[in-house]
Amino acid sequence: MNDAFLAGPLRVRIETCEPSVREKIAETLALYDRPWDGPFLDIVLDARSVERGAVMVDGAYLRCARMTVDADGGEFHATTRCGARARSSGAARRRWSIEVPAAAVASDQLEELEDLVGLALTTGWRAAGWVALHAAAVVRDGICPIFCAGSGGGKSTLTAALVRSGWRALGDDKLLLRYAEGGAELRALLRTFNLHPRTREWFPEVGDLTLLPAYSAWTEKRKFRVDRTWPETTAPHARPTHVVRVNRDAGSRRIAVGELPRADIFPTLLKQIAIPGDRETAATILATVAKTVGGLRGLDIVVGDDAYCDEDCLAELERALAP
């Protein structure tokens, strides 16, 4: 069975005869539904089940929570904790052979396929000249802050709050960045936010989020389609103007705003990127980030866990973002 999906500047084809494997890969790829002008780079994911799982590789190229990646002769070899693995091949490393243990297929424990698909997409985006950012961004009147925080750090809820306040969202977690002749550019990839069910306490219009599909087996967050609740509030691209470091404070009921020292802007943005051990790839990423942050302002904000109970909680932040 063959299927093709667009994911930013990539056209991805699935080749598999395993229905459950195909469904999981397709579910992951279907999220990347923002329109993108060609040309597109072609990526092939050839997936199958195998009797025995793979042994985890060392992770000399990249090490994540559930996946390790080695590079050998220009090709990638990735493994996950459940024993799934992926190998790239071809001169451009655009064909991926993915093997999933039969036990994982039989028990429908396929969440780690998302990591392998994500690796294939990330390397493809880099080949197309883009850097993947695990960050959020909104835009209004030419102002575009990039919100930086770790997983569970509050990026999605803050982005939703700003959308309600009249901003347009590029995304709450995944963006693409490049620096070209005209300057830095951010591009959107998704129309969904990953919202915790508690978000309904502050923004009742999102409804009962527990009825929506889970973001992954590792979190309570749900896949929330932004424009179904807040129409015409997404943006396809923007030029960034700020880097905003987001911190949480369980004991506060407000959003406090301060300046982010210029020396901290570069490392703050860099933390939102998975940087591999390969020197050439890492150098390209570092150069892109260095050129991007050269013209950006920095803000440091602390968001109280119940800050969104206050209808005016965004006022200080919006004043700080004003030209």
Protein backbone atom coordinates (compact mmCIF):
# COMPACT_ATOMS: atom_id res chain seq x y z
CA MET A 1 0.00 0.00 0.00
CA ASN A 2 1.44 3.40 -1.02
CA ASP A 3 0.39 6.78 0.37
CA ALA A 4 1.80 10.26 -0.10
CA PHE A 5 1.69 13.17 2.35
CA LEU A 6 3.09 16.69 2.34
CA ALA A 7 5.05 17.85 5.38
CA GLY A 8 6.32 21.37 4.82
CA PRO A 9 8.78 21.25 1.90
CA LEU A 10 8.70 17.43 1.83
CA ARG A 11 6.55 14.93 -0.07
CA VAL A 12 6.53 11.71 1.95
CA ARG A 13 5.44 8.34 0.58
CA ILE A 14 4.62 5.38 2.81
CA GLU A 15 5.34 1.89 1.53
CA THR A 16 4.03 -0.86 3.81
CA CYS A 17 1.69 -3.85 3.83
CA GLU A 18 1.16 -3.63 7.61
CA PRO A 19 -2.17 -1.80 8.16
CA SER A 20 -1.49 -0.77 11.78
CA VAL A 21 2.02 0.49 10.96
CA ARG A 22 0.71 2.40 8.00
CA GLU A 23 -2.07 3.92 10.10
CA LYS A 24 0.34 5.14 12.79
CA ILE A 25 2.75 6.69 10.29
CA ALA A 26 -0.13 8.27 8.37
CA GLU A 27 -1.59 9.66 11.60
CA THR A 28 1.73 11.37 12.35
CA LEU A 29 2.18 12.76 8.83
CA ALA A 30 -1.41 13.96 8.52
CA LEU A 31 -0.79 16.57 11.22
CA TYR A 32 1.53 18.51 8.89
CA ASP A 33 -1.34 20.08 7.00
CA ARG A 34 -0.21 23.67 6.45
CA PRO A 35 -0.08 24.58 2.73
CA TRP A 36 3.41 24.84 1.28
CA ASP A 37 4.57 25.94 -2.14
CA GLY A 38 6.82 23.55 -4.03
CA PRO A 39 9.26 22.34 -5.11
CA PHE A 40 9.21 19.39 -2.72
CA LEU A 41 11.88 16.93 -1.69
CA ASP A 42 10.73 13.32 -1.92
CA ILE A 43 11.07 11.04 1.13
CA VAL A 44 10.16 7.34 1.18
CA LEU A 45 9.28 5.43 4.37
CA ASP A 46 9.45 1.69 3.70
CA ALA A 47 8.03 0.06 6.85
CA ARG A 48 7.60 -3.60 7.81
CA SER A 49 7.39 -5.82 10.86
CA VAL A 50 10.23 -8.15 11.91
CA GLU A 51 10.38 -10.99 14.41
CA ARG A 52 13.11 -9.59 16.63
CA GLY A 53 13.72 -6.08 17.85
CA ALA A 54 16.96 -4.18 17.27
CA VAL A 55 19.58 -3.48 19.92
CA MET A 56 19.89 0.22 20.76
CA VAL A 57 22.76 1.95 18.94
CA ASP A 58 25.18 4.20 20.83
CA GLY A 59 23.64 7.52 19.86
CA ALA A 60 26.86 9.20 18.75
CA TYR A 61 24.95 11.31 16.21
CA LEU A 62 21.88 12.07 18.35
CA ARG A 63 20.44 10.87 21.64
CA CYS A 64 16.83 11.55 22.65
CA ALA A 65 14.56 10.25 25.42
CA ARG A 66 13.27 7.28 23.38
CA MET A 67 15.66 7.12 20.42
CA THR A 68 19.39 6.93 19.67
CA VAL A 69 20.94 7.66 16.28
CA ASP A 70 24.32 6.80 14.73
CA ALA A 71 25.68 7.94 11.37
CA ASP A 72 27.83 5.63 9.28
CA GLY A 73 29.21 6.61 5.90
CA GLY A 74 26.64 9.35 5.50
CA GLU A 75 23.69 7.08 6.37
CA PHE A 76 21.64 7.11 9.57
CA HIS A 77 20.83 4.18 11.81
CA ALA A 78 18.23 4.90 14.50
CA THR A 79 16.78 2.65 17.19
CA THR A 80 14.07 3.07 19.82
CA ARG A 81 13.45 1.48 23.21
CA CYS A 82 10.82 -0.93 21.86
CA GLY A 83 13.32 -2.37 19.39
CA ALA A 84 12.13 -0.52 16.29
CA ARG A 85 14.81 0.79 13.97
CA ALA A 86 15.22 2.91 10.85
CA ARG A 87 18.02 3.15 8.29
CA SER A 88 18.45 5.81 5.65
CA SER A 89 19.87 4.98 2.26
CA GLY A 90 20.60 6.55 -1.08
CA ALA A 91 22.95 9.38 -1.97
CA ALA A 92 20.56 11.96 -0.52
CA ARG A 93 19.51 9.76 2.46
CA ARG A 94 15.86 10.17 1.49
CA ARG A 95 14.77 6.54 1.60
CA TRP A 96 14.17 5.07 5.04
CA SER A 97 13.76 1.39 5.87
CA ILE A 98 11.77 1.09 9.10
CA GLU A 99 11.48 -2.21 10.99
CA VAL A 100 9.07 -2.68 13.88
CA PRO A 101 9.11 -5.76 16.17
CA ALA A 102 6.13 -8.01 15.55
CA ALA A 103 5.33 -7.94 19.28
CA ALA A 104 4.94 -4.14 19.15
CA VAL A 105 2.68 -4.43 16.10
CA ALA A 106 0.55 -7.14 17.71
CA SER A 107 0.09 -5.11 20.90
CA ASP A 108 -0.37 -1.83 18.99
CA GLN A 109 2.50 -0.26 20.93
CA LEU A 110 3.64 1.91 18.06
CA GLU A 111 4.17 5.32 19.70
CA GLU A 112 7.93 5.21 19.11
CA LEU A 113 7.32 5.17 15.37
CA GLU A 114 6.66 8.90 15.80
CA ASP A 115 10.32 9.40 16.76
CA LEU A 116 11.60 7.55 13.69
CA VAL A 117 9.25 9.46 11.39
CA GLY A 118 10.30 12.69 13.08
CA LEU A 119 13.96 11.89 12.39
CA ALA A 120 13.24 11.28 8.71
CA LEU A 121 11.32 14.57 8.49
CA THR A 122 13.95 16.58 10.38
CA THR A 123 16.81 15.41 8.17
CA GLY A 124 14.65 16.11 5.12
CA TRP A 125 13.85 19.63 6.32
CA ARG A 126 17.56 20.28 6.86
CA ALA A 127 18.29 19.06 3.35
CA ALA A 128 15.70 21.57 2.12
CA GLY A 129 17.48 24.39 3.98
CA TRP A 130 15.34 24.60 7.13
CA VAL A 131 16.02 24.12 10.86
CA ALA A 132 13.29 22.47 12.95
CA LEU A 133 12.37 24.44 16.09
CA HIS A 134 10.52 22.94 19.05
CA ALA A 135 9.07 26.34 19.91
CA ALA A 136 5.88 28.38 19.63
CA ALA A 137 5.28 31.63 17.77
CA VAL A 138 2.52 34.15 17.15
CA VAL A 139 2.33 37.25 14.97
CA ARG A 140 0.42 40.55 14.97
CA ASP A 141 1.19 43.86 13.24
CA GLY A 142 4.65 42.67 12.25
CA ILE A 143 5.58 41.55 15.78
CA CYS A 144 6.51 37.86 16.02
CA PRO A 145 7.81 36.47 19.33
CA ILE A 146 9.28 32.96 19.51
CA PHE A 147 8.35 31.31 22.83
CA CYS A 148 10.99 28.98 24.21
CA ALA A 149 10.48 26.41 26.96
CA GLY A 150 10.91 22.71 27.53
CA SER A 151 8.16 20.14 27.15
CA GLY A 152 5.36 21.01 29.58
CA GLY A 153 6.78 24.49 30.03
CA GLY A 154 3.59 26.33 29.07
CA LYS A 155 4.15 27.23 25.39
CA SER A 156 0.83 25.84 24.18
CA THR A 157 -1.39 27.48 26.79
CA LEU A 158 0.35 30.83 26.35
CA THR A 159 -0.06 30.59 22.57
CA ALA A 160 -3.77 29.80 22.98
CA ALA A 161 -4.17 32.78 25.31
CA LEU A 162 -2.56 35.10 22.77
CA VAL A 163 -4.77 33.74 19.97
CA ARG A 164 -7.80 34.63 22.09
CA SER A 165 -6.30 38.11 22.45
CA GLY A 166 -6.13 38.69 18.70
CA TRP A 167 -2.76 37.25 17.71
CA ARG A 168 -2.33 34.71 14.90
CA ALA A 169 -0.46 31.51 15.65
CA LEU A 170 2.27 29.92 13.57
CA GLY A 171 2.37 26.98 15.96
CA ASP A 172 2.66 25.96 19.59
CA ASP A 173 5.46 23.39 19.30
CA LYS A 174 6.89 22.79 15.81
CA LEU A 175 8.18 25.44 13.41
CA LEU A 176 10.74 25.70 10.62
CA LEU A 177 13.40 28.43 10.59
CA ARG A 178 15.80 29.60 7.92
CA TYR A 179 17.96 32.64 7.28
CA ALA A 180 17.98 33.86 3.70
CA GLU A 181 18.91 37.07 1.95
CA GLY A 182 15.87 38.88 3.31
CA GLY A 183 16.52 37.82 6.90
CA ALA A 184 15.15 35.15 9.23
CA GLU A 185 11.87 33.47 8.35
CA LEU A 186 9.58 31.19 10.36
CA ARG A 187 7.17 28.80 8.65
CA ALA A 188 4.18 27.00 10.13
CA LEU A 189 3.74 23.23 9.85
CA LEU A 190 0.60 22.35 11.85
CA ARG A 191 -2.92 23.58 12.49
CA THR A 192 -3.19 21.77 15.82
CA PHE A 193 -2.16 22.69 19.34
CA ASN A 194 -1.28 20.18 22.02
CA LEU A 195 -3.46 21.31 24.92
CA HIS A 196 -3.80 19.87 28.41
CA PRO A 197 -7.42 19.11 29.39
CA ARG A 198 -7.10 21.67 32.20
CA THR A 199 -7.04 24.42 29.56
CA ARG A 200 -10.85 24.36 29.63
CA GLU A 201 -10.77 25.91 33.11
CA TRP A 202 -9.43 29.15 31.62
CA PHE A 203 -10.72 28.96 28.04
CA PRO A 204 -14.14 27.22 28.19
CA GLU A 205 -14.71 27.52 24.45
CA VAL A 206 -12.19 24.72 23.79
CA GLY A 207 -14.73 22.24 25.18
CA ASP A 208 -14.01 18.87 26.74
CA LEU A 209 -10.50 18.16 25.50
CA THR A 210 -10.56 14.62 26.87
CA LEU A 211 -12.82 13.72 23.94
CA LEU A 212 -10.08 14.58 21.44
CA PRO A 213 -7.24 12.28 20.28
CA ALA A 214 -4.27 12.11 22.62
CA TYR A 215 -1.07 13.84 21.51
CA SER A 216 0.90 10.74 22.54
CA ALA A 217 0.86 7.92 25.05
CA TRP A 218 3.34 9.86 27.18
CA THR A 219 1.21 12.91 28.01
CA GLU A 220 -2.36 13.97 28.85
CA LYS A 221 -2.29 16.62 26.12
CA ARG A 222 -4.82 16.45 23.29
CA LYS A 223 -4.66 17.40 19.62
CA PHE A 224 -6.75 20.56 19.32
CA ARG A 225 -7.61 22.02 15.91
CA VAL A 226 -7.16 25.77 16.42
CA ASP A 227 -9.22 27.24 13.60
CA ARG A 228 -12.33 25.23 14.44
CA THR A 229 -12.72 27.21 17.66
CA TRP A 230 -10.90 30.41 16.71
CA PRO A 231 -11.38 30.87 12.94
CA GLU A 232 -8.76 32.67 10.85
CA THR A 233 -6.25 32.79 13.72
CA THR A 234 -3.35 30.93 12.13
CA ALA A 235 -0.54 32.37 10.02
CA PRO A 236 1.63 30.54 7.48
CA HIS A 237 4.86 32.48 8.01
CA ALA A 238 6.43 35.51 9.70
CA ARG A 239 9.73 37.20 10.39
CA PRO A 240 10.70 36.79 14.07
CA THR A 241 11.24 39.89 16.20
CA HIS A 242 11.64 38.50 19.76
CA VAL A 243 12.91 35.49 21.66
CA VAL A 244 10.85 34.95 24.81
CA ARG A 245 12.06 32.56 27.52
CA VAL A 246 9.03 31.10 29.32
CA ASN A 247 9.24 29.96 32.94
CA ARG A 248 6.48 28.63 35.20
CA ASP A 249 5.76 29.52 38.82
CA ALA A 250 3.20 27.42 40.67
CA GLY A 251 2.87 30.04 43.39
CA SER A 252 1.94 32.97 41.15
CA ARG A 253 -1.31 34.16 39.56
CA ARG A 254 0.22 36.59 37.04
CA ILE A 255 2.62 36.87 34.13
CA ALA A 256 5.72 38.80 35.10
CA VAL A 257 7.88 40.21 32.28
CA GLY A 258 11.55 41.16 32.29
CA GLU A 259 14.35 41.66 29.80
CA LEU A 260 16.29 38.64 28.62
CA PRO A 261 20.00 39.57 28.58
CA ARG A 262 21.40 39.70 25.05
CA ALA A 263 23.96 37.04 25.94
CA ASP A 264 21.09 34.66 26.78
CA ILE A 265 19.12 35.05 23.54
CA PHE A 266 21.32 32.73 21.49
CA PRO A 267 21.42 29.81 24.00
CA THR A 268 17.70 30.20 24.73
CA LEU A 269 16.76 29.65 21.10
CA LEU A 270 19.40 26.95 20.65
CA LYS A 271 17.81 24.86 23.42
CA GLN A 272 14.73 24.45 21.21
CA ILE A 273 16.69 22.55 18.55
CA ALA A 274 17.85 18.94 18.55
CA ILE A 275 21.49 19.39 17.55
CA PRO A 276 23.27 16.28 16.26
CA GLY A 277 26.86 15.31 16.93
CA ASP A 278 27.80 15.72 13.26
CA ARG A 279 30.02 18.81 13.06
CA GLU A 280 28.94 19.98 9.62
CA THR A 281 25.23 19.76 10.41
CA ALA A 282 25.71 21.34 13.83
CA ALA A 283 27.74 24.19 12.33
CA THR A 284 24.96 24.95 9.83
CA ILE A 285 22.38 25.05 12.61
CA LEU A 286 24.56 27.26 14.82
CA ALA A 287 25.19 29.68 11.95
CA THR A 288 21.45 29.94 11.21
CA VAL A 289 20.60 30.64 14.85
CA ALA A 290 23.46 33.13 15.25
CA LYS A 291 22.33 35.15 12.24
CA THR A 292 18.69 34.96 13.34
CA VAL A 293 19.18 36.27 16.87
CA GLY A 294 21.35 39.17 15.74
CA GLY A 295 18.33 41.39 15.20
CA LEU A 296 15.98 40.04 17.87
CA ARG A 297 14.97 41.41 21.26
CA GLY A 298 14.82 39.16 24.30
CA LEU A 299 12.16 38.87 27.01
CA ASP A 300 12.10 36.68 30.11
CA ILE A 301 8.63 35.88 31.46
CA VAL A 302 7.33 33.95 34.45
CA VAL A 303 3.83 32.50 34.05
CA GLY A 304 1.85 31.57 37.13
CA ASP A 305 -0.09 28.33 36.97
CA ASP A 306 -3.36 30.24 37.47
CA ALA A 307 -2.39 33.40 35.62
CA TYR A 308 -5.06 32.83 32.97
CA CYS A 309 -7.81 33.29 35.57
CA ASP A 310 -7.09 37.00 35.17
CA GLU A 311 -8.55 38.43 31.96
CA ASP A 312 -5.80 41.08 31.89
CA CYS A 313 -2.92 38.65 32.43
CA LEU A 314 -1.41 39.33 28.99
CA ALA A 315 -1.34 43.13 29.30
CA GLU A 316 2.24 43.43 30.58
CA LEU A 317 3.55 40.99 27.98
CA GLU A 318 1.76 42.72 25.12
CA ARG A 319 3.12 46.11 26.23
CA ALA A 320 6.65 44.67 26.29
CA LEU A 321 6.21 43.28 22.77
CA ALA A 322 4.98 46.59 21.36
CA PRO A 323 7.37 48.40 18.97
